[in-house]
PDB file of N, CA and C in Angstrom:
ATOM      1  N   MET A   1     -14.261 -29.062 -10.549  1.00  0.00           N
ATOM      2  CA  MET A   1     -14.275 -28.101  -9.460  1.00  0.00           C
ATOM      3  C   MET A   1     -12.850 -27.747  -9.022  1.00  0.00           C
ATOM      4  N   SER A   2     -11.993 -28.729  -8.953  1.00  0.00           N
ATOM      5  CA  SER A   2     -10.632 -28.498  -8.502  1.00  0.00           C
ATOM      6  C   SER A   2      -9.858 -27.603  -9.467  1.00  0.00           C
ATOM      7  N   SER A   3     -10.064 -27.797 -10.759  1.00  0.00           N
ATOM      8  CA  SER A   3      -9.344 -26.979 -11.730  1.00  0.00           C
ATOM      9  C   SER A   3      -9.839 -25.532 -11.705  1.00  0.00           C
ATOM     10  N   GLU A   4     -11.129 -25.337 -11.429  1.00  0.00           N
ATOM     11  CA  GLU A   4     -11.664 -23.976 -11.319  1.00  0.00           C
ATOM     12  C   GLU A   4     -11.080 -23.270 -10.104  1.00  0.00           C
ATOM     13  N   LEU A   5     -10.997 -23.989  -9.002  1.00  0.00           N
ATOM     14  CA  LEU A   5     -10.426 -23.418  -7.788  1.00  0.00           C
ATOM     15  C   LEU A   5      -8.958 -23.066  -8.005  1.00  0.00           C
ATOM     16  N   LEU A   6      -8.246 -23.928  -8.655  1.00  0.00           N
ATOM     17  CA  LEU A   6      -6.838 -23.678  -8.952  1.00  0.00           C
ATOM     18  C   LEU A   6      -6.676 -22.475  -9.878  1.00  0.00           C
ATOM     19  N   PHE A   7      -7.546 -22.360 -10.868  1.00  0.00           N
ATOM     20  CA  PHE A   7      -7.493 -21.243 -11.810  1.00  0.00           C
ATOM     21  C   PHE A   7      -7.736 -19.909 -11.101  1.00  0.00           C
ATOM     22  N   PHE A   8      -8.835 -19.829 -10.336  1.00  0.00           N
ATOM     23  CA  PHE A   8      -9.156 -18.572  -9.661  1.00  0.00           C
ATOM     24  C   PHE A   8      -8.186 -18.275  -8.520  1.00  0.00           C
ATOM     25  N   GLY A   9      -7.688 -19.315  -7.876  1.00  0.00           N
ATOM     26  CA  GLY A   9      -6.660 -19.115  -6.858  1.00  0.00           C
ATOM     27  C   GLY A   9      -5.374 -18.575  -7.463  1.00  0.00           C
ATOM     28  N   GLY A  10      -5.042 -19.062  -8.659  1.00  0.00           N
ATOM     29  CA  GLY A  10      -3.857 -18.560  -9.358  1.00  0.00           C
ATOM     30  C   GLY A  10      -4.000 -17.103  -9.747  1.00  0.00           C
ATOM     31  N   ILE A  11      -5.199 -16.732 -10.185  1.00  0.00           N
ATOM     32  CA  ILE A  11      -5.454 -15.325 -10.533  1.00  0.00           C
ATOM     33  C   ILE A  11      -5.337 -14.448  -9.292  1.00  0.00           C
ATOM     34  N   ALA A  12      -5.912 -14.917  -8.168  1.00  0.00           N
ATOM     35  CA  ALA A  12      -5.838 -14.144  -6.924  1.00  0.00           C
ATOM     36  C   ALA A  12      -4.396 -13.997  -6.458  1.00  0.00           C
ATOM     37  N   LEU A  13      -3.620 -15.059  -6.553  1.00  0.00           N
ATOM     38  CA  LEU A  13      -2.213 -15.005  -6.157  1.00  0.00           C
ATOM     39  C   LEU A  13      -1.423 -14.062  -7.057  1.00  0.00           C
ATOM     40  N   PHE A  14      -1.678 -14.119  -8.349  1.00  0.00           N
ATOM     41  CA  PHE A  14      -1.017 -13.216  -9.290  1.00  0.00           C
ATOM     42  C   PHE A  14      -1.351 -11.758  -8.962  1.00  0.00           C
ATOM     43  N   TYR A  15      -2.628 -11.470  -8.697  1.00  0.00           N
ATOM     44  CA  TYR A  15      -3.057 -10.113  -8.350  1.00  0.00           C
ATOM     45  C   TYR A  15      -2.362  -9.652  -7.067  1.00  0.00           C
ATOM     46  N   PHE A  16      -2.306 -10.527  -6.081  1.00  0.00           N
ATOM     47  CA  PHE A  16      -1.656 -10.216  -4.810  1.00  0.00           C
ATOM     48  C   PHE A  16      -0.188  -9.861  -5.030  1.00  0.00           C
ATOM     49  N   LEU A  17       0.515 -10.669  -5.814  1.00  0.00           N
ATOM     50  CA  LEU A  17       1.940 -10.433  -6.046  1.00  0.00           C
ATOM     51  C   LEU A  17       2.199  -9.178  -6.876  1.00  0.00           C
ATOM     52  N   VAL A  18       1.330  -8.881  -7.826  1.00  0.00           N
ATOM     53  CA  VAL A  18       1.499  -7.682  -8.649  1.00  0.00           C
ATOM     54  C   VAL A  18       1.225  -6.422  -7.832  1.00  0.00           C
ATOM     55  N   MET A  19       0.290  -6.497  -6.904  1.00  0.00           N
ATOM     56  CA  MET A  19      -0.095  -5.311  -6.150  1.00  0.00           C
ATOM     57  C   MET A  19       0.887  -4.942  -5.039  1.00  0.00           C
ATOM     58  N   ILE A  20       1.733  -5.857  -4.604  1.00  0.00           N
ATOM     59  CA  ILE A  20       2.671  -5.544  -3.518  1.00  0.00           C
ATOM     60  C   ILE A  20       3.586  -4.377  -3.880  1.00  0.00           C
ATOM     61  N   PRO A  21       4.281  -4.371  -5.034  1.00  0.00           N
ATOM     62  CA  PRO A  21       5.136  -3.213  -5.338  1.00  0.00           C
ATOM     63  C   PRO A  21       4.343  -1.922  -5.546  1.00  0.00           C
ATOM     64  N   ILE A  22       3.136  -2.032  -6.070  1.00  0.00           N
ATOM     65  CA  ILE A  22       2.302  -0.841  -6.267  1.00  0.00           C
ATOM     66  C   ILE A  22       1.924  -0.248  -4.914  1.00  0.00           C
ATOM     67  N   GLN A  23       1.496  -1.102  -3.997  1.00  0.00           N
ATOM     68  CA  GLN A  23       1.141  -0.639  -2.653  1.00  0.00           C
ATOM     69  C   GLN A  23       2.370  -0.068  -1.937  1.00  0.00           C
ATOM     70  N   TYR A  24       3.516  -0.721  -2.099  1.00  0.00           N
ATOM     71  CA  TYR A  24       4.739  -0.258  -1.454  1.00  0.00           C
ATOM     72  C   TYR A  24       5.103   1.147  -1.926  1.00  0.00           C
ATOM     73  N   LEU A  25       5.083   1.354  -3.224  1.00  0.00           N
ATOM     74  CA  LEU A  25       5.419   2.680  -3.759  1.00  0.00           C
ATOM     75  C   LEU A  25       4.415   3.732  -3.309  1.00  0.00           C
ATOM     76  N   TYR A  26       3.146   3.364  -3.238  1.00  0.00           N
ATOM     77  CA  TYR A  26       2.122   4.312  -2.797  1.00  0.00           C
ATOM     78  C   TYR A  26       2.340   4.690  -1.331  1.00  0.00           C
ATOM     79  N   LEU A  27       2.580   3.698  -0.472  1.00  0.00           N
ATOM     80  CA  LEU A  27       2.809   3.981   0.945  1.00  0.00           C
ATOM     81  C   LEU A  27       4.099   4.768   1.160  1.00  0.00           C
ATOM     82  N   GLN A  28       5.122   4.452   0.390  1.00  0.00           N
ATOM     83  CA  GLN A  28       6.386   5.177   0.484  1.00  0.00           C
ATOM     84  C   GLN A  28       6.184   6.642   0.086  1.00  0.00           C
ATOM     85  N   GLY A  29       5.414   6.865  -0.959  1.00  0.00           N
ATOM     86  CA  GLY A  29       5.116   8.230  -1.386  1.00  0.00           C
ATOM     87  C   GLY A  29       4.337   9.004  -0.342  1.00  0.00           C
ATOM     88  N   LEU A  30       3.381   8.345   0.310  1.00  0.00           N
ATOM     89  CA  LEU A  30       2.626   9.013   1.375  1.00  0.00           C
ATOM     90  C   LEU A  30       3.536   9.386   2.540  1.00  0.00           C
ATOM     91  N   ASN A  31       4.444   8.482   2.914  1.00  0.00           N
ATOM     92  CA  ASN A  31       5.369   8.783   4.007  1.00  0.00           C
ATOM     93  C   ASN A  31       6.292   9.943   3.653  1.00  0.00           C
ATOM     94  N   GLU A  32       6.799   9.963   2.427  1.00  0.00           N
ATOM     95  CA  GLU A  32       7.668  11.061   2.004  1.00  0.00           C
ATOM     96  C   GLU A  32       6.913  12.385   1.988  1.00  0.00           C
ATOM     97  N   LYS A  33       5.678  12.359   1.524  1.00  0.00           N
ATOM     98  CA  LYS A  33       4.872  13.577   1.493  1.00  0.00           C
ATOM     99  C   LYS A  33       4.593  14.070   2.907  1.00  0.00           C
ATOM    100  N   LYS A  34       4.358  13.138   3.822  1.00  0.00           N
ATOM    101  CA  LYS A  34       4.104  13.502   5.215  1.00  0.00           C
ATOM    102  C   LYS A  34       5.344  14.138   5.839  1.00  0.00           C
ATOM    103  N   LYS A  35       6.523  13.579   5.558  1.00  0.00           N
ATOM    104  CA  LYS A  35       7.767  14.145   6.086  1.00  0.00           C
ATOM    105  C   LYS A  35       8.067  15.499   5.458  1.00  0.00           C
ATOM    106  N   ARG A  36       7.826  15.624   4.149  1.00  0.00           N
ATOM    107  CA  ARG A  36       8.137  16.855   3.425  1.00  0.00           C
ATOM    108  C   ARG A  36       7.262  18.013   3.887  1.00  0.00           C
ATOM    109  N   THR A  37       5.977  17.743   4.118  1.00  0.00           N
ATOM    110  CA  THR A  37       5.058  18.810   4.509  1.00  0.00           C
ATOM    111  C   THR A  37       5.060  19.060   6.006  1.00  0.00           C
ATOM    112  N   GLY A  38       5.458  18.059   6.795  1.00  0.00           N
ATOM    113  CA  GLY A  38       5.467  18.215   8.239  1.00  0.00           C
ATOM    114  C   GLY A  38       4.082  18.162   8.866  1.00  0.00           C
ATOM    115  N   LEU A  39       3.110  17.670   8.131  1.00  0.00           N
ATOM    116  CA  LEU A  39       1.744  17.580   8.630  1.00  0.00           C
ATOM    117  C   LEU A  39       1.503  16.221   9.273  1.00  0.00           C
ATOM    118  N   SER A  40       0.521  16.184  10.174  1.00  0.00           N
ATOM    119  CA  SER A  40       0.118  14.892  10.722  1.00  0.00           C
ATOM    120  C   SER A  40      -0.662  14.135   9.657  1.00  0.00           C
ATOM    121  N   GLN A  41      -0.900  12.866   9.903  1.00  0.00           N
ATOM    122  CA  GLN A  41      -1.615  12.056   8.922  1.00  0.00           C
ATOM    123  C   GLN A  41      -3.032  12.583   8.716  1.00  0.00           C
ATOM    124  N   GLN A  42      -3.688  12.983   9.793  1.00  0.00           N
ATOM    125  CA  GLN A  42      -5.051  13.504   9.680  1.00  0.00           C
ATOM    126  C   GLN A  42      -5.075  14.803   8.872  1.00  0.00           C
ATOM    127  N   GLU A  43      -4.139  15.703   9.126  1.00  0.00           N
ATOM    128  CA  GLU A  43      -4.079  16.962   8.378  1.00  0.00           C
ATOM    129  C   GLU A  43      -3.759  16.713   6.910  1.00  0.00           C
ATOM    130  N   LEU A  44      -2.901  15.737   6.656  1.00  0.00           N
ATOM    131  CA  LEU A  44      -2.539  15.402   5.280  1.00  0.00           C
ATOM    132  C   LEU A  44      -3.761  14.930   4.503  1.00  0.00           C
ATOM    133  N   TYR A  45      -4.583  14.095   5.121  1.00  0.00           N
ATOM    134  CA  TYR A  45      -5.783  13.598   4.443  1.00  0.00           C
ATOM    135  C   TYR A  45      -6.833  14.687   4.283  1.00  0.00           C
ATOM    136  N   LYS A  46      -6.886  15.625   5.226  1.00  0.00           N
ATOM    137  CA  LYS A  46      -7.841  16.732   5.102  1.00  0.00           C
ATOM    138  C   LYS A  46      -7.478  17.646   3.936  1.00  0.00           C
ATOM    139  N   GLN A  47      -6.194  17.771   3.635  1.00  0.00           N
ATOM    140  CA  GLN A  47      -5.755  18.663   2.563  1.00  0.00           C
ATOM    141  C   GLN A  47      -5.753  18.004   1.187  1.00  0.00           C
ATOM    142  N   MET A  48      -6.097  16.713   1.116  1.00  0.00           N
ATOM    143  CA  MET A  48      -6.134  16.031  -0.184  1.00  0.00           C
ATOM    144  C   MET A  48      -7.261  16.585  -1.040  1.00  0.00           C
ATOM    145  N   SER A  49      -6.990  16.684  -2.324  1.00  0.00           N
ATOM    146  CA  SER A  49      -8.046  17.070  -3.255  1.00  0.00           C
ATOM    147  C   SER A  49      -8.999  15.889  -3.426  1.00  0.00           C
ATOM    148  N   PHE A  50     -10.115  16.151  -4.083  1.00  0.00           N
ATOM    149  CA  PHE A  50     -11.099  15.090  -4.297  1.00  0.00           C
ATOM    150  C   PHE A  50     -10.497  13.937  -5.091  1.00  0.00           C
ATOM    151  N   GLY A  51      -9.712  14.257  -6.101  1.00  0.00           N
ATOM    152  CA  GLY A  51      -9.084  13.221  -6.919  1.00  0.00           C
ATOM    153  C   GLY A  51      -8.117  12.370  -6.113  1.00  0.00           C
ATOM    154  N   GLU A  52      -7.328  13.016  -5.245  1.00  0.00           N
ATOM    155  CA  GLU A  52      -6.400  12.267  -4.397  1.00  0.00           C
ATOM    156  C   GLU A  52      -7.146  11.378  -3.410  1.00  0.00           C
ATOM    157  N   GLU A  53      -8.258  11.892  -2.873  1.00  0.00           N
ATOM    158  CA  GLU A  53      -9.064  11.088  -1.954  1.00  0.00           C
ATOM    159  C   GLU A  53      -9.611   9.849  -2.647  1.00  0.00           C
ATOM    160  N   GLN A  54     -10.087  10.021  -3.877  1.00  0.00           N
ATOM    161  CA  GLN A  54     -10.629   8.884  -4.620  1.00  0.00           C
ATOM    162  C   GLN A  54      -9.530   7.872  -4.942  1.00  0.00           C
ATOM    163  N   LEU A  55      -8.358   8.349  -5.329  1.00  0.00           N
ATOM    164  CA  LEU A  55      -7.233   7.455  -5.592  1.00  0.00           C
ATOM    165  C   LEU A  55      -6.880   6.672  -4.332  1.00  0.00           C
ATOM    166  N   HIS A  56      -6.795   7.381  -3.209  1.00  0.00           N
ATOM    167  CA  HIS A  56      -6.459   6.727  -1.949  1.00  0.00           C
ATOM    168  C   HIS A  56      -7.508   5.676  -1.589  1.00  0.00           C
ATOM    169  N   PHE A  57      -8.773   6.017  -1.766  1.00  0.00           N
ATOM    170  CA  PHE A  57      -9.842   5.072  -1.451  1.00  0.00           C
ATOM    171  C   PHE A  57      -9.747   3.824  -2.320  1.00  0.00           C
ATOM    172  N   HIS A  58      -9.490   3.997  -3.597  1.00  0.00           N
ATOM    173  CA  HIS A  58      -9.459   2.846  -4.492  1.00  0.00           C
ATOM    174  C   HIS A  58      -8.194   2.010  -4.313  1.00  0.00           C
ATOM    175  N   VAL A  59      -7.088   2.650  -3.963  1.00  0.00           N
ATOM    176  CA  VAL A  59      -5.850   1.888  -3.769  1.00  0.00           C
ATOM    177  C   VAL A  59      -5.854   1.193  -2.412  1.00  0.00           C
ATOM    178  N   GLN A  60      -6.293   1.892  -1.370  1.00  0.00           N
ATOM    179  CA  GLN A  60      -6.229   1.338  -0.024  1.00  0.00           C
ATOM    180  C   GLN A  60      -7.535   0.697   0.438  1.00  0.00           C
ATOM    181  N   GLY A  61      -8.665   1.104  -0.124  1.00  0.00           N
ATOM    182  CA  GLY A  61      -9.948   0.646   0.379  1.00  0.00           C
ATOM    183  C   GLY A  61     -10.500  -0.599  -0.271  1.00  0.00           C
ATOM    184  N   ASN A  62      -9.895  -1.047  -1.344  1.00  0.00           N
ATOM    185  CA  ASN A  62     -10.375  -2.241  -2.029  1.00  0.00           C
ATOM    186  C   ASN A  62     -10.069  -3.470  -1.173  1.00  0.00           C
ATOM    187  N   PRO A  63     -11.075  -4.289  -0.847  1.00  0.00           N
ATOM    188  CA  PRO A  63     -10.815  -5.468  -0.001  1.00  0.00           C
ATOM    189  C   PRO A  63      -9.797  -6.443  -0.599  1.00  0.00           C
ATOM    190  N   PHE A  64      -9.694  -6.493  -1.912  1.00  0.00           N
ATOM    191  CA  PHE A  64      -8.713  -7.380  -2.537  1.00  0.00           C
ATOM    192  C   PHE A  64      -7.289  -6.871  -2.335  1.00  0.00           C
ATOM    193  N   ASN A  65      -7.132  -5.596  -2.001  1.00  0.00           N
ATOM    194  CA  ASN A  65      -5.802  -5.018  -1.810  1.00  0.00           C
ATOM    195  C   ASN A  65      -5.319  -5.097  -0.369  1.00  0.00           C
ATOM    196  N   ILE A  66      -6.165  -5.519   0.550  1.00  0.00           N
ATOM    197  CA  ILE A  66      -5.773  -5.542   1.963  1.00  0.00           C
ATOM    198  C   ILE A  66      -4.554  -6.439   2.207  1.00  0.00           C
ATOM    199  N   PRO A  67      -4.519  -7.673   1.702  1.00  0.00           N
ATOM    200  CA  PRO A  67      -3.316  -8.490   1.957  1.00  0.00           C
ATOM    201  C   PRO A  67      -2.037  -7.885   1.374  1.00  0.00           C
ATOM    202  N   SER A  68      -2.107  -7.382   0.159  1.00  0.00           N
ATOM    203  CA  SER A  68      -0.898  -6.810  -0.445  1.00  0.00           C
ATOM    204  C   SER A  68      -0.512  -5.502   0.244  1.00  0.00           C
ATOM    205  N   ALA A  69      -1.486  -4.731   0.710  1.00  0.00           N
ATOM    206  CA  ALA A  69      -1.180  -3.500   1.443  1.00  0.00           C
ATOM    207  C   ALA A  69      -0.501  -3.827   2.770  1.00  0.00           C
ATOM    208  N   PHE A  70      -0.943  -4.882   3.422  1.00  0.00           N
ATOM    209  CA  PHE A  70      -0.330  -5.288   4.686  1.00  0.00           C
ATOM    210  C   PHE A  70       1.117  -5.734   4.475  1.00  0.00           C
ATOM    211  N   VAL A  71       1.349  -6.533   3.452  1.00  0.00           N
ATOM    212  CA  VAL A  71       2.715  -6.996   3.155  1.00  0.00           C
ATOM    213  C   VAL A  71       3.604  -5.808   2.792  1.00  0.00           C
ATOM    214  N   ALA A  72       3.085  -4.887   1.985  1.00  0.00           N
ATOM    215  CA  ALA A  72       3.863  -3.702   1.605  1.00  0.00           C
ATOM    216  C   ALA A  72       4.179  -2.847   2.828  1.00  0.00           C
ATOM    217  N   TYR A  73       3.221  -2.719   3.740  1.00  0.00           N
ATOM    218  CA  TYR A  73       3.434  -1.957   4.973  1.00  0.00           C
ATOM    219  C   TYR A  73       4.532  -2.607   5.817  1.00  0.00           C
ATOM    220  N   MET A  74       4.498  -3.931   5.922  1.00  0.00           N
ATOM    221  CA  MET A  74       5.512  -4.627   6.708  1.00  0.00           C
ATOM    222  C   MET A  74       6.897  -4.480   6.072  1.00  0.00           C
ATOM    223  N   ILE A  75       6.981  -4.553   4.763  1.00  0.00           N
ATOM    224  CA  ILE A  75       8.260  -4.357   4.070  1.00  0.00           C
ATOM    225  C   ILE A  75       8.780  -2.947   4.324  1.00  0.00           C
ATOM    226  N   LEU A  76       7.899  -1.964   4.259  1.00  0.00           N
ATOM    227  CA  LEU A  76       8.277  -0.571   4.499  1.00  0.00           C
ATOM    228  C   LEU A  76       8.807  -0.391   5.921  1.00  0.00           C
ATOM    229  N   LYS A  77       8.165  -1.018   6.895  1.00  0.00           N
ATOM    230  CA  LYS A  77       8.608  -0.902   8.286  1.00  0.00           C
ATOM    231  C   LYS A  77       9.951  -1.593   8.504  1.00  0.00           C
ATOM    232  N   VAL A  78      10.148  -2.761   7.906  1.00  0.00           N
ATOM    233  CA  VAL A  78      11.419  -3.480   8.060  1.00  0.00           C
ATOM    234  C   VAL A  78      12.551  -2.686   7.423  1.00  0.00           C
ATOM    235  N   LYS A  79      12.323  -2.128   6.238  1.00  0.00           N
ATOM    236  CA  LYS A  79      13.360  -1.319   5.585  1.00  0.00           C
ATOM    237  C   LYS A  79      13.647  -0.058   6.392  1.00  0.00           C
ATOM    238  N   GLY A  80      12.630   0.518   7.013  1.00  0.00           N
ATOM    239  CA  GLY A  80      12.822   1.699   7.849  1.00  0.00           C
ATOM    240  C   GLY A  80      13.664   1.391   9.073  1.00  0.00           C
ATOM    241  N   ARG A  81      13.463   0.227   9.661  1.00  0.00           N
ATOM    242  CA  ARG A  81      14.261  -0.167  10.823  1.00  0.00           C
ATOM    243  C   ARG A  81      15.711  -0.409  10.435  1.00  0.00           C
ATOM    244  N   LYS A  82      15.922  -1.009   9.266  1.00  0.00           N
ATOM    245  CA  LYS A  82      17.293  -1.264   8.811  1.00  0.00           C
ATOM    246  C   LYS A  82      18.031   0.044   8.572  1.00  0.00           C
ATOM    247  N   LYS A  83      17.345   1.040   7.981  1.00  0.00           N
ATOM    248  CA  LYS A  83      17.979   2.340   7.743  1.00  0.00           C
ATOM    249  C   LYS A  83      18.300   3.027   9.061  1.00  0.00           C
ATOM    250  N   ALA A  84      17.395   2.927  10.042  1.00  0.00           N
ATOM    251  CA  ALA A  84      17.611   3.570  11.333  1.00  0.00           C
ATOM    252  C   ALA A  84      18.762   2.916  12.089  1.00  0.00           C
ATOM    253  N   SER A  85      18.913   1.610  11.973  1.00  0.00           N
ATOM    254  CA  SER A  85      19.991   0.930  12.687  1.00  0.00           C
ATOM    255  C   SER A  85      21.351   1.181  12.041  1.00  0.00           C
ATOM    256  N   GLN A  86      21.384   1.526  10.760  1.00  0.00           N
ATOM    257  CA  GLN A  86      22.646   1.793  10.075  1.00  0.00           C
ATOM    258  C   GLN A  86      23.177   3.184  10.384  1.00  0.00           C
ATOM    259  N   CYS A  87      22.318   4.091  10.781  1.00  0.00           N
ATOM    260  CA  CYS A  87      22.755   5.473  11.052  1.00  0.00           C
ATOM    261  C   CYS A  87      23.447   5.608  12.374  1.00  0.00           C
TER     262      CYS A  87
END
């Protein structure tokens, strides 16, 4: 039982670590698109095509991605604060 738990825990940890940069790049792209278009977040999501909506749902809506999305969001916010304090 212990080796099975260790095996599946290792897979979950690997998935979590691999998804952090993917989530970070996705969130960074959404922020850049929001700044470039000047739309609010709600308007931006309303203008998404069906394919973009499905991509967003699968990247952000998967319960296994919630921890990595949260970590990526926190990294994005910390980097944003550092850039703002340097200006």
